[in-house]
N, C-alpha and C. Protein backbone atom coordinates (compact mmCIF):
# COMPACT_ATOMS: atom_id res chain seq x y z
N MET A 1 0.87 -1.38 -0.11
CA MET A 1 0.08 -0.07 0.06
C MET A 1 0.91 1.10 -0.25
N LYS A 2 2.02 1.03 0.76
CA LYS A 2 2.87 2.35 0.74
C LYS A 2 3.32 2.92 -0.86
N LEU A 3 3.69 1.52 -1.42
CA LEU A 3 4.20 1.76 -2.75
C LEU A 3 3.10 2.53 -3.29
N ILE A 4 2.01 2.12 -3.55
CA ILE A 4 0.96 2.92 -4.03
C ILE A 4 0.71 3.99 -4.01
N GLN A 5 0.78 4.41 -2.37
CA GLN A 5 0.85 5.98 -2.12
C GLN A 5 1.90 6.67 -2.99
N GLN A 6 3.14 6.41 -2.28
CA GLN A 6 4.46 6.96 -2.85
C GLN A 6 4.09 7.05 -4.62
N ILE A 7 3.86 6.24 -5.44
CA ILE A 7 3.63 6.67 -6.92
C ILE A 7 2.42 7.68 -6.84
N TYR A 8 1.34 7.51 -6.24
CA TYR A 8 0.17 8.61 -6.31
C TYR A 8 0.77 10.05 -6.09
N ARG A 9 1.49 9.96 -5.24
CA ARG A 9 2.19 11.30 -4.47
C ARG A 9 3.36 11.90 -5.42
N HIS A 10 4.00 11.07 -6.33
CA HIS A 10 5.24 11.32 -6.94
C HIS A 10 4.82 12.38 -7.81
N PRO A 11 5.87 13.76 -8.02
CA PRO A 11 5.27 14.70 -8.93
C PRO A 11 4.78 14.61 -10.35
N TRP A 12 5.50 13.46 -10.71
CA TRP A 12 5.26 12.89 -12.18
C TRP A 12 4.03 12.48 -12.42
N PHE A 13 3.48 11.72 -11.22
CA PHE A 13 2.16 11.15 -11.58
C PHE A 13 1.03 12.10 -11.33
N GLN A 14 1.33 12.90 -10.38
CA GLN A 14 0.46 14.27 -10.27
C GLN A 14 0.48 15.13 -11.46
N TRP A 15 1.65 15.16 -12.35
CA TRP A 15 1.42 16.09 -13.53
C TRP A 15 0.67 15.32 -14.23
N LEU A 16 0.64 13.85 -14.71
CA LEU A 16 -0.17 13.03 -15.63
C LEU A 16 -1.49 13.32 -15.30
N LEU A 17 -2.14 13.32 -14.10
CA LEU A 17 -3.19 13.58 -13.75
C LEU A 17 -3.97 14.86 -14.09
N GLN A 18 -3.28 15.80 -14.35
CA GLN A 18 -3.89 17.34 -14.55
C GLN A 18 -4.81 17.38 -15.56
N HIS A 19 -5.67 18.17 -15.10
CA HIS A 19 -6.83 18.46 -16.09
C HIS A 19 -6.39 18.44 -17.78
N ARG A 20 -5.35 19.25 -17.82
CA ARG A 20 -5.12 19.24 -19.32
C ARG A 20 -4.71 17.93 -20.18
N PHE A 21 -3.89 17.58 -19.44
CA PHE A 21 -3.33 15.93 -19.62
C PHE A 21 -4.78 15.18 -20.08
N ILE A 22 -5.75 14.99 -18.98
CA ILE A 22 -6.94 14.22 -19.33
C ILE A 22 -7.59 14.73 -21.10
N LYS A 23 -7.63 16.20 -21.12
CA LYS A 23 -7.97 16.44 -22.43
C LYS A 23 -7.20 15.95 -23.32
N PHE A 24 -6.09 16.05 -22.96
CA PHE A 24 -4.98 15.61 -24.18
C PHE A 24 -5.30 14.17 -24.45
N GLY A 25 -5.46 13.37 -23.58
CA GLY A 25 -5.89 12.06 -23.72
C GLY A 25 -7.49 11.58 -24.53
N THR A 26 -8.33 12.60 -24.02
CA THR A 26 -9.67 12.56 -24.59
C THR A 26 -9.45 12.81 -26.22
N VAL A 27 -8.57 13.90 -26.57
CA VAL A 27 -8.42 14.23 -27.83
C VAL A 27 -7.61 13.05 -28.50
N GLY A 28 -6.64 12.57 -27.78
CA GLY A 28 -5.91 11.47 -28.32
C GLY A 28 -6.72 10.28 -28.60
N ALA A 29 -7.47 10.12 -27.91
CA ALA A 29 -8.32 8.77 -27.94
C ALA A 29 -9.39 9.28 -29.42
N SER A 30 -9.48 10.30 -29.78
CA SER A 30 -10.56 10.64 -30.84
C SER A 30 -9.45 10.63 -32.18
N GLY A 31 -8.49 11.05 -31.88
CA GLY A 31 -7.49 10.46 -32.51
C GLY A 31 -6.88 9.10 -33.21
N THR A 32 -7.00 8.33 -32.12
CA THR A 32 -6.78 7.06 -32.23
C THR A 32 -7.89 6.33 -33.05
N LEU A 33 -9.11 6.70 -33.02
CA LEU A 33 -10.13 6.28 -33.64
C LEU A 33 -9.93 6.70 -35.05
N VAL A 34 -9.79 7.64 -35.16
CA VAL A 34 -9.79 8.34 -36.93
C VAL A 34 -8.27 7.52 -37.50
N ASN A 35 -7.34 7.52 -36.68
CA ASN A 35 -6.31 6.52 -36.96
C ASN A 35 -6.42 5.41 -37.65
N LEU A 36 -7.14 4.66 -36.74
CA LEU A 36 -7.41 3.31 -36.86
C LEU A 36 -8.38 3.17 -37.77
N ALA A 37 -9.33 4.29 -37.86
CA ALA A 37 -10.45 3.83 -39.00
C ALA A 37 -9.83 4.17 -40.36
N VAL A 38 -8.72 4.94 -40.79
CA VAL A 38 -8.24 5.35 -41.65
C VAL A 38 -7.40 4.19 -42.21
N LEU A 39 -6.43 3.86 -40.93
CA LEU A 39 -5.22 2.82 -41.59
C LEU A 39 -6.05 1.44 -41.83
N TYR A 40 -7.22 0.91 -41.18
CA TYR A 40 -8.25 -0.17 -41.61
C TYR A 40 -8.67 0.27 -43.30
N LEU A 41 -9.09 1.45 -43.19
CA LEU A 41 -9.76 1.76 -44.66
C LEU A 41 -8.21 1.52 -46.16
N GLY A 42 -7.38 2.07 -45.16
CA GLY A 42 -6.44 2.30 -46.00
C GLY A 42 -5.64 0.78 -46.54
N GLN A 43 -5.84 -0.21 -45.43
CA GLN A 43 -5.34 -1.44 -45.50
C GLN A 43 -6.18 -2.41 -46.69
N GLU A 44 -7.26 -2.29 -46.00
CA GLU A 44 -8.64 -3.32 -46.67
C GLU A 44 -9.07 -2.84 -47.76
N TYR A 45 -8.89 -1.46 -48.00
CA TYR A 45 -9.52 -1.00 -49.34
C TYR A 45 -9.11 -0.01 -50.36
N LEU A 46 -8.47 0.98 -49.77
CA LEU A 46 -7.98 2.25 -50.48
C LEU A 46 -6.87 1.47 -51.25
N PHE A 47 -5.70 0.74 -50.25
CA PHE A 47 -4.22 0.68 -51.00
C PHE A 47 -4.34 -0.84 -50.96
N ARG A 48 -5.31 -1.62 -51.19
CA ARG A 48 -5.29 -3.07 -51.24
C ARG A 48 -4.39 -3.45 -52.25
N ALA A 49 -4.42 -3.06 -53.53
CA ALA A 49 -3.70 -3.27 -54.84
C ALA A 49 -2.29 -3.00 -54.40
N LEU A 50 -1.54 -2.39 -53.55
CA LEU A 50 -0.36 -2.15 -53.62
C LEU A 50 0.61 -3.10 -52.77
N GLU A 51 1.51 -3.59 -53.60
CA GLU A 51 2.39 -4.52 -52.90
C GLU A 51 3.90 -4.16 -52.90
N PRO A 52 4.26 -4.67 -52.08
CA PRO A 52 4.63 -5.69 -51.16
C PRO A 52 3.62 -5.08 -49.88
N ALA A 53 3.46 -6.31 -48.93
CA ALA A 53 2.26 -5.94 -48.13
C ALA A 53 2.77 -5.05 -46.92
N LEU A 54 4.47 -4.72 -46.80
CA LEU A 54 4.73 -3.79 -45.86
C LEU A 54 4.80 -2.41 -46.51
N PHE A 55 4.97 -2.41 -47.99
CA PHE A 55 4.65 -1.01 -48.63
C PHE A 55 3.16 -0.33 -48.42
N ARG A 56 2.46 -1.41 -48.48
CA ARG A 56 0.54 -0.78 -48.22
C ARG A 56 0.80 -0.55 -46.93
N LEU A 57 1.41 -1.28 -45.89
CA LEU A 57 0.91 -0.90 -44.62
C LEU A 57 1.30 0.82 -44.26
N ASN A 58 2.82 0.91 -44.76
CA ASN A 58 3.38 2.22 -44.59
C ASN A 58 2.49 3.46 -45.31
N VAL A 59 2.33 3.10 -46.49
CA VAL A 59 1.21 4.00 -46.99
C VAL A 59 -0.02 4.45 -46.28
N SER A 60 -0.68 3.17 -45.58
CA SER A 60 -1.87 3.23 -45.12
C SER A 60 -1.50 3.90 -43.62
N LEU A 61 -0.67 3.75 -43.15
CA LEU A 61 -0.29 4.16 -41.87
C LEU A 61 0.21 5.90 -42.48
N ALA A 62 0.90 6.41 -43.06
CA ALA A 62 1.07 7.36 -43.28
C ALA A 62 -0.11 8.37 -43.30
N THR A 63 -1.23 7.58 -44.33
CA THR A 63 -2.66 8.41 -44.46
C THR A 63 -3.03 8.67 -43.21
N ALA A 64 -2.93 7.37 -42.19
CA ALA A 64 -3.73 7.50 -41.15
C ALA A 64 -3.26 8.78 -40.05
N ILE A 65 -2.12 8.69 -40.00
CA ILE A 65 -1.53 9.72 -39.47
C ILE A 65 -1.44 11.14 -39.45
N PHE A 66 -1.47 11.22 -41.15
CA PHE A 66 -1.93 12.70 -41.39
C PHE A 66 -3.80 13.08 -40.85
N PHE A 67 -4.43 12.13 -41.24
CA PHE A 67 -5.92 12.32 -40.72
C PHE A 67 -5.93 12.66 -39.15
N ALA A 68 -4.96 11.85 -38.40
CA ALA A 68 -4.93 11.94 -37.34
C ALA A 68 -4.41 13.00 -36.55
N THR A 69 -3.41 13.58 -37.39
CA THR A 69 -2.75 14.64 -36.67
C THR A 69 -3.43 15.93 -37.07
N ILE A 70 -4.62 15.99 -38.08
CA ILE A 70 -4.95 17.26 -38.22
C ILE A 70 -6.35 17.17 -37.31
N ASN A 71 -7.29 15.99 -36.79
CA ASN A 71 -7.83 15.95 -35.89
C ASN A 71 -7.50 16.69 -35.02
N ASN A 72 -6.37 15.91 -34.27
CA ASN A 72 -5.66 16.27 -32.98
C ASN A 72 -5.39 17.83 -32.89
N PHE A 73 -4.80 18.22 -33.93
CA PHE A 73 -4.33 19.70 -33.78
C PHE A 73 -5.39 20.22 -33.82
N LEU A 74 -6.81 20.23 -34.66
CA LEU A 74 -7.55 20.99 -34.48
C LEU A 74 -8.09 21.21 -32.94
N LEU A 75 -8.71 19.95 -32.61
CA LEU A 75 -9.27 19.70 -31.38
C LEU A 75 -8.41 20.22 -29.91
N ASN A 76 -7.09 19.95 -29.98
CA ASN A 76 -6.24 20.57 -29.04
C ASN A 76 -6.09 21.87 -28.75
N ARG A 77 -5.83 22.73 -29.88
CA ARG A 77 -6.09 24.23 -30.29
C ARG A 77 -7.49 24.52 -29.56
N SER A 78 -8.48 24.29 -29.89
CA SER A 78 -9.60 24.45 -29.71
C SER A 78 -9.96 24.30 -28.05
N TRP A 79 -9.96 23.11 -27.62
CA TRP A 79 -10.21 22.61 -26.43
C TRP A 79 -9.12 22.62 -25.43
N THR A 80 -8.29 21.89 -25.74
CA THR A 80 -7.16 21.37 -24.77
C THR A 80 -6.25 22.63 -24.37
N TRP A 81 -5.81 23.28 -25.25
CA TRP A 81 -5.08 24.32 -24.58
C TRP A 81 -5.77 25.85 -25.13
N HIS A 82 -7.13 26.06 -25.14
CA HIS A 82 -7.96 26.75 -25.59
C HIS A 82 -7.47 28.20 -24.56
N ASP A 83 -7.24 27.78 -23.36
CA ASP A 83 -7.03 29.24 -22.52
C ASP A 83 -5.69 29.99 -22.72
N ARG A 84 -4.70 29.36 -23.92
CA ARG A 84 -3.55 29.96 -24.14
C ARG A 84 -3.78 30.49 -25.25
N LYS A 85 -4.82 30.70 -25.99
CA LYS A 85 -5.26 31.37 -27.07
C LYS A 85 -4.70 32.71 -27.39
N HIS A 86 -4.24 33.78 -26.06
CA HIS A 86 -3.21 34.83 -26.02
C HIS A 86 -2.02 34.65 -26.54
N ALA A 87 -1.43 33.39 -26.23
CA ALA A 87 -0.12 32.87 -26.92
C ALA A 87 -0.04 32.74 -28.06
N HIS A 88 -1.10 32.60 -28.78
CA HIS A 88 -0.93 32.01 -30.17
C HIS A 88 -1.94 32.89 -31.07
N ARG A 89 -2.39 33.76 -30.61
CA ARG A 89 -3.54 34.59 -31.12
C ARG A 89 -2.82 35.29 -32.45
N ASP A 90 -1.63 35.83 -32.44
CA ASP A 90 -0.98 36.18 -33.50
C ASP A 90 -0.67 35.54 -34.52
N ARG A 91 -0.61 34.31 -34.19
CA ARG A 91 0.36 33.57 -35.21
C ARG A 91 -0.92 32.78 -36.23
N ARG A 92 -0.33 32.56 -37.43
CA ARG A 92 -1.91 31.95 -38.13
C ARG A 92 -1.64 30.50 -37.92
N VAL A 93 -3.05 29.96 -38.15
CA VAL A 93 -3.30 28.56 -38.23
C VAL A 93 -2.36 27.51 -38.72
N LEU A 94 -2.02 27.92 -39.84
CA LEU A 94 -0.98 26.90 -40.69
C LEU A 94 0.01 26.87 -40.14
N ALA A 95 1.00 28.26 -39.71
CA ALA A 95 2.10 28.46 -39.37
C ALA A 95 1.94 27.44 -37.78
N GLN A 96 0.87 27.44 -37.26
CA GLN A 96 1.25 26.66 -35.91
C GLN A 96 0.93 25.26 -35.92
N PHE A 97 -0.03 25.06 -37.12
CA PHE A 97 0.01 23.58 -37.55
C PHE A 97 1.27 23.01 -37.87
N GLY A 98 2.29 23.71 -38.60
CA GLY A 98 3.48 23.19 -38.61
C GLY A 98 4.36 23.27 -37.84
N GLN A 99 4.10 24.00 -36.83
CA GLN A 99 4.62 23.84 -35.26
C GLN A 99 4.24 22.57 -34.70
N TYR A 100 3.30 22.47 -34.71
CA TYR A 100 2.55 21.13 -34.16
C TYR A 100 2.82 19.92 -34.74
N ALA A 101 2.67 19.93 -35.94
CA ALA A 101 3.62 18.88 -36.77
C ALA A 101 5.10 18.44 -36.27
N MET A 102 5.63 19.56 -36.48
CA MET A 102 7.22 19.22 -36.39
C MET A 102 7.17 18.39 -34.94
N ALA A 103 6.70 19.18 -33.82
CA ALA A 103 6.76 18.66 -32.57
C ALA A 103 6.24 17.16 -32.41
N CYS A 104 5.22 16.67 -33.32
CA CYS A 104 4.81 15.63 -33.34
C CYS A 104 5.80 14.45 -34.33
N TRP A 105 6.49 15.35 -34.83
CA TRP A 105 7.23 14.22 -36.02
C TRP A 105 7.91 13.05 -35.19
N ILE A 106 8.68 13.50 -34.16
CA ILE A 106 9.21 12.14 -33.28
C ILE A 106 8.53 11.18 -32.82
N GLY A 107 7.30 11.88 -32.20
CA GLY A 107 6.07 10.67 -32.21
C GLY A 107 5.46 10.19 -33.41
N VAL A 108 5.41 10.40 -34.37
CA VAL A 108 4.87 9.90 -35.68
C VAL A 108 6.19 8.89 -36.07
N ALA A 109 7.27 9.31 -36.05
CA ALA A 109 8.42 8.39 -36.51
C ALA A 109 8.68 7.30 -35.56
N LEU A 110 8.35 7.50 -34.21
CA LEU A 110 8.57 6.52 -33.29
C LEU A 110 7.30 5.38 -33.30
N GLN A 111 6.09 6.16 -33.78
CA GLN A 111 5.08 5.22 -34.19
C GLN A 111 4.85 4.31 -35.25
N PHE A 112 5.77 5.04 -36.50
CA PHE A 112 6.32 4.04 -37.42
C PHE A 112 6.99 3.06 -37.06
N VAL A 113 7.94 3.10 -36.18
CA VAL A 113 9.11 2.05 -36.04
C VAL A 113 8.40 1.23 -35.04
N LEU A 114 7.44 1.79 -34.03
CA LEU A 114 6.82 0.53 -33.52
C LEU A 114 6.23 0.00 -33.87
N THR A 115 5.11 0.33 -34.65
CA THR A 115 4.23 -0.44 -35.42
C THR A 115 4.63 -1.34 -36.31
N ASN A 116 5.68 -1.02 -37.27
CA ASN A 116 6.33 -1.88 -37.77
C ASN A 116 6.99 -2.98 -37.54
N SER A 117 7.66 -2.54 -36.22
CA SER A 117 8.33 -3.72 -35.35
C SER A 117 7.29 -4.54 -34.80
N LEU A 118 6.30 -4.42 -34.32
CA LEU A 118 5.17 -5.11 -33.37
C LEU A 118 4.43 -5.56 -34.37
N ALA A 119 4.09 -5.17 -35.46
CA ALA A 119 3.37 -5.78 -36.36
C ALA A 119 3.69 -7.15 -36.81
N VAL A 120 5.07 -7.42 -36.71
CA VAL A 120 5.83 -8.90 -36.98
C VAL A 120 5.19 -9.83 -35.88
N TYR A 121 5.08 -9.17 -34.59
CA TYR A 121 4.35 -10.18 -33.46
C TYR A 121 3.06 -10.09 -33.44
N PHE A 122 2.56 -8.83 -33.63
CA PHE A 122 0.62 -8.69 -33.35
C PHE A 122 -0.03 -8.57 -34.53
N HIS A 123 -1.25 -8.29 -34.67
CA HIS A 123 -2.18 -7.84 -35.53
C HIS A 123 -1.57 -6.24 -35.75
N TYR A 124 -1.45 -5.92 -36.93
CA TYR A 124 -1.23 -4.41 -37.06
C TYR A 124 -2.24 -3.45 -36.70
N ILE A 125 -3.13 -3.65 -36.02
CA ILE A 125 -3.84 -2.86 -35.48
C ILE A 125 -3.63 -2.83 -33.97
N LEU A 126 -3.23 -3.93 -33.36
CA LEU A 126 -2.74 -3.97 -31.68
C LEU A 126 -1.26 -3.30 -31.58
N ALA A 127 -0.36 -3.53 -32.83
CA ALA A 127 0.65 -2.95 -32.85
C ALA A 127 0.59 -1.52 -32.93
N ASN A 128 -0.22 -1.12 -33.87
CA ASN A 128 -0.79 0.50 -33.91
C ASN A 128 -0.90 0.97 -32.48
N VAL A 129 -1.80 0.64 -32.11
CA VAL A 129 -2.38 1.01 -30.58
C VAL A 129 -1.19 1.18 -29.54
N VAL A 130 -0.65 0.33 -29.56
CA VAL A 130 0.43 0.22 -28.56
C VAL A 130 1.48 1.39 -28.96
N ALA A 131 2.15 1.56 -30.27
CA ALA A 131 3.12 2.68 -30.53
C ALA A 131 2.05 3.90 -30.03
N ILE A 132 0.79 4.05 -30.69
CA ILE A 132 0.22 5.38 -30.59
C ILE A 132 0.06 5.76 -28.99
N ALA A 133 0.08 4.72 -27.83
CA ALA A 133 -0.07 4.83 -26.31
C ALA A 133 1.71 5.60 -25.95
N ILE A 134 2.59 5.03 -26.67
CA ILE A 134 4.00 5.20 -26.19
C ILE A 134 4.01 6.58 -26.93
N ALA A 135 3.89 6.99 -28.11
CA ALA A 135 4.31 8.33 -28.77
C ALA A 135 3.45 9.38 -28.17
N SER A 136 2.06 9.00 -27.37
CA SER A 136 1.29 10.16 -26.83
C SER A 136 2.02 10.93 -25.68
N LEU A 137 2.34 10.30 -24.83
CA LEU A 137 3.40 11.03 -24.14
C LEU A 137 4.49 11.91 -24.47
N PHE A 138 5.06 11.49 -25.11
CA PHE A 138 6.04 12.10 -25.63
C PHE A 138 5.28 13.77 -26.69
N ASN A 139 4.39 13.24 -26.90
CA ASN A 139 3.53 14.36 -27.87
C ASN A 139 3.27 15.39 -26.75
N PHE A 140 2.45 14.78 -25.92
CA PHE A 140 2.05 15.75 -24.75
C PHE A 140 3.02 16.76 -24.10
N ALA A 141 4.22 16.17 -23.77
CA ALA A 141 5.10 16.92 -23.23
C ALA A 141 5.76 17.98 -24.27
N VAL A 142 6.04 17.89 -25.35
CA VAL A 142 6.55 18.74 -26.24
C VAL A 142 5.56 19.87 -26.84
N ASN A 143 4.26 19.38 -26.85
CA ASN A 143 3.29 20.64 -27.36
C ASN A 143 2.89 21.08 -26.16
N ASN A 144 2.94 20.67 -25.08
CA ASN A 144 2.47 21.93 -23.73
C ASN A 144 3.57 22.63 -23.88
N TRP A 145 4.95 22.39 -23.85
CA TRP A 145 5.84 23.56 -23.49
C TRP A 145 6.49 23.91 -24.58
N TRP A 146 6.18 23.63 -25.97
CA TRP A 146 6.32 24.67 -27.31
C TRP A 146 5.72 24.95 -27.91
N THR A 147 4.71 23.82 -28.40
CA THR A 147 3.70 24.47 -29.43
C THR A 147 2.26 25.33 -29.04
N PHE A 148 1.98 24.88 -27.64
CA PHE A 148 0.96 25.79 -27.11
C PHE A 148 1.62 26.31 -25.99
N ARG A 149 2.80 26.92 -25.47
CA ARG A 149 3.05 27.33 -24.21
C ARG A 149 2.88 28.50 -24.03
N HIS A 150 2.51 28.64 -22.69
CA HIS A 150 2.03 30.05 -22.05
C HIS A 150 3.25 31.08 -22.06
N LYS A 151 2.91 32.02 -22.80
CA LYS A 151 3.90 33.18 -23.02
C LYS A 151 4.19 33.94 -21.73
N LYS A 152 5.24 34.13 -21.00
CA LYS A 152 5.22 34.92 -19.90
C LYS A 152 5.43 36.51 -20.24
N VAL A 153 4.46 37.07 -19.50
CA VAL A 153 4.30 38.36 -19.84
C VAL A 153 5.27 39.19 -18.81
N LEU A 154 6.32 39.78 -19.55
CA LEU A 154 7.34 40.53 -18.22
C LEU A 154 6.47 41.88 -18.00
N ALA A 155 6.54 42.01 -16.52
CA ALA A 155 5.98 43.07 -15.85
C ALA A 155 7.03 44.48 -16.09
N LEU A 156 6.60 45.58 -16.25
CA LEU A 156 7.21 46.36 -16.10
C LEU A 156 7.41 47.45 -15.13
N PRO A 157 8.58 47.96 -14.85
CA PRO A 157 8.47 48.46 -13.40
C PRO A 157 7.37 49.65 -13.42
N THR A 158 7.01 49.96 -12.24
CA THR A 158 5.69 50.91 -11.86
C THR A 158 6.71 52.27 -11.50
N PRO A 159 6.27 53.38 -11.41
CA PRO A 159 6.98 54.68 -10.79
C PRO A 159 7.53 54.30 -9.29
N ALA A 160 6.56 53.70 -8.78
CA ALA A 160 6.79 53.30 -7.25
C ALA A 160 7.73 52.02 -7.11
N ASP A 161 8.24 51.59 -8.04
CA ASP A 161 9.13 50.56 -7.93
C ASP A 161 10.68 51.07 -7.83
N PRO A 162 11.15 50.34 -6.71
CA PRO A 162 12.45 50.91 -6.05
C PRO A 162 13.46 50.24 -6.92
N LEU A 163 13.30 49.48 -8.09
CA LEU A 163 14.30 49.14 -9.05
C LEU A 163 14.03 50.10 -10.29
N ARG A 164 13.07 50.80 -10.23
CA ARG A 164 13.43 51.66 -11.57
C ARG A 164 14.16 52.97 -11.23
N LYS A 165 14.79 53.04 -12.37
CA LYS A 165 15.99 54.17 -12.29
C LYS A 165 15.46 55.21 -13.05
């Protein structure tokens, strides 16, 4: 029981339980559904004629990741980090999407490598779900601290401020 209490009190665990991470996870779950649906459609219907099978998997996976990334960006921007709009108000949506996509690139690469590695041992859908879960932790950290960062406003000294010269 003490171990569970220690884990629960650990700052890392508390950080994961923050409200924003729960929203990020919810958005990620919707992105996972988009990803899996597009992956399935690509594998079974859209790219069925592509050979070899690994090439078909990679084309399907790239298409699935593309649509899931757009879904997640729009939902994260409007819901997860909606309170930070002032931090990105002056940036165009496409520019911020570019930053979001770059921030997610390592997660995407990680997802590709893990999906392909695990698909040798498991069904490609299960392999992709595991890869998404691992990549999502990285994506949250990078997007929280870079793409949707909260810009600190520097306080200017007031006339009564003793540090003002």
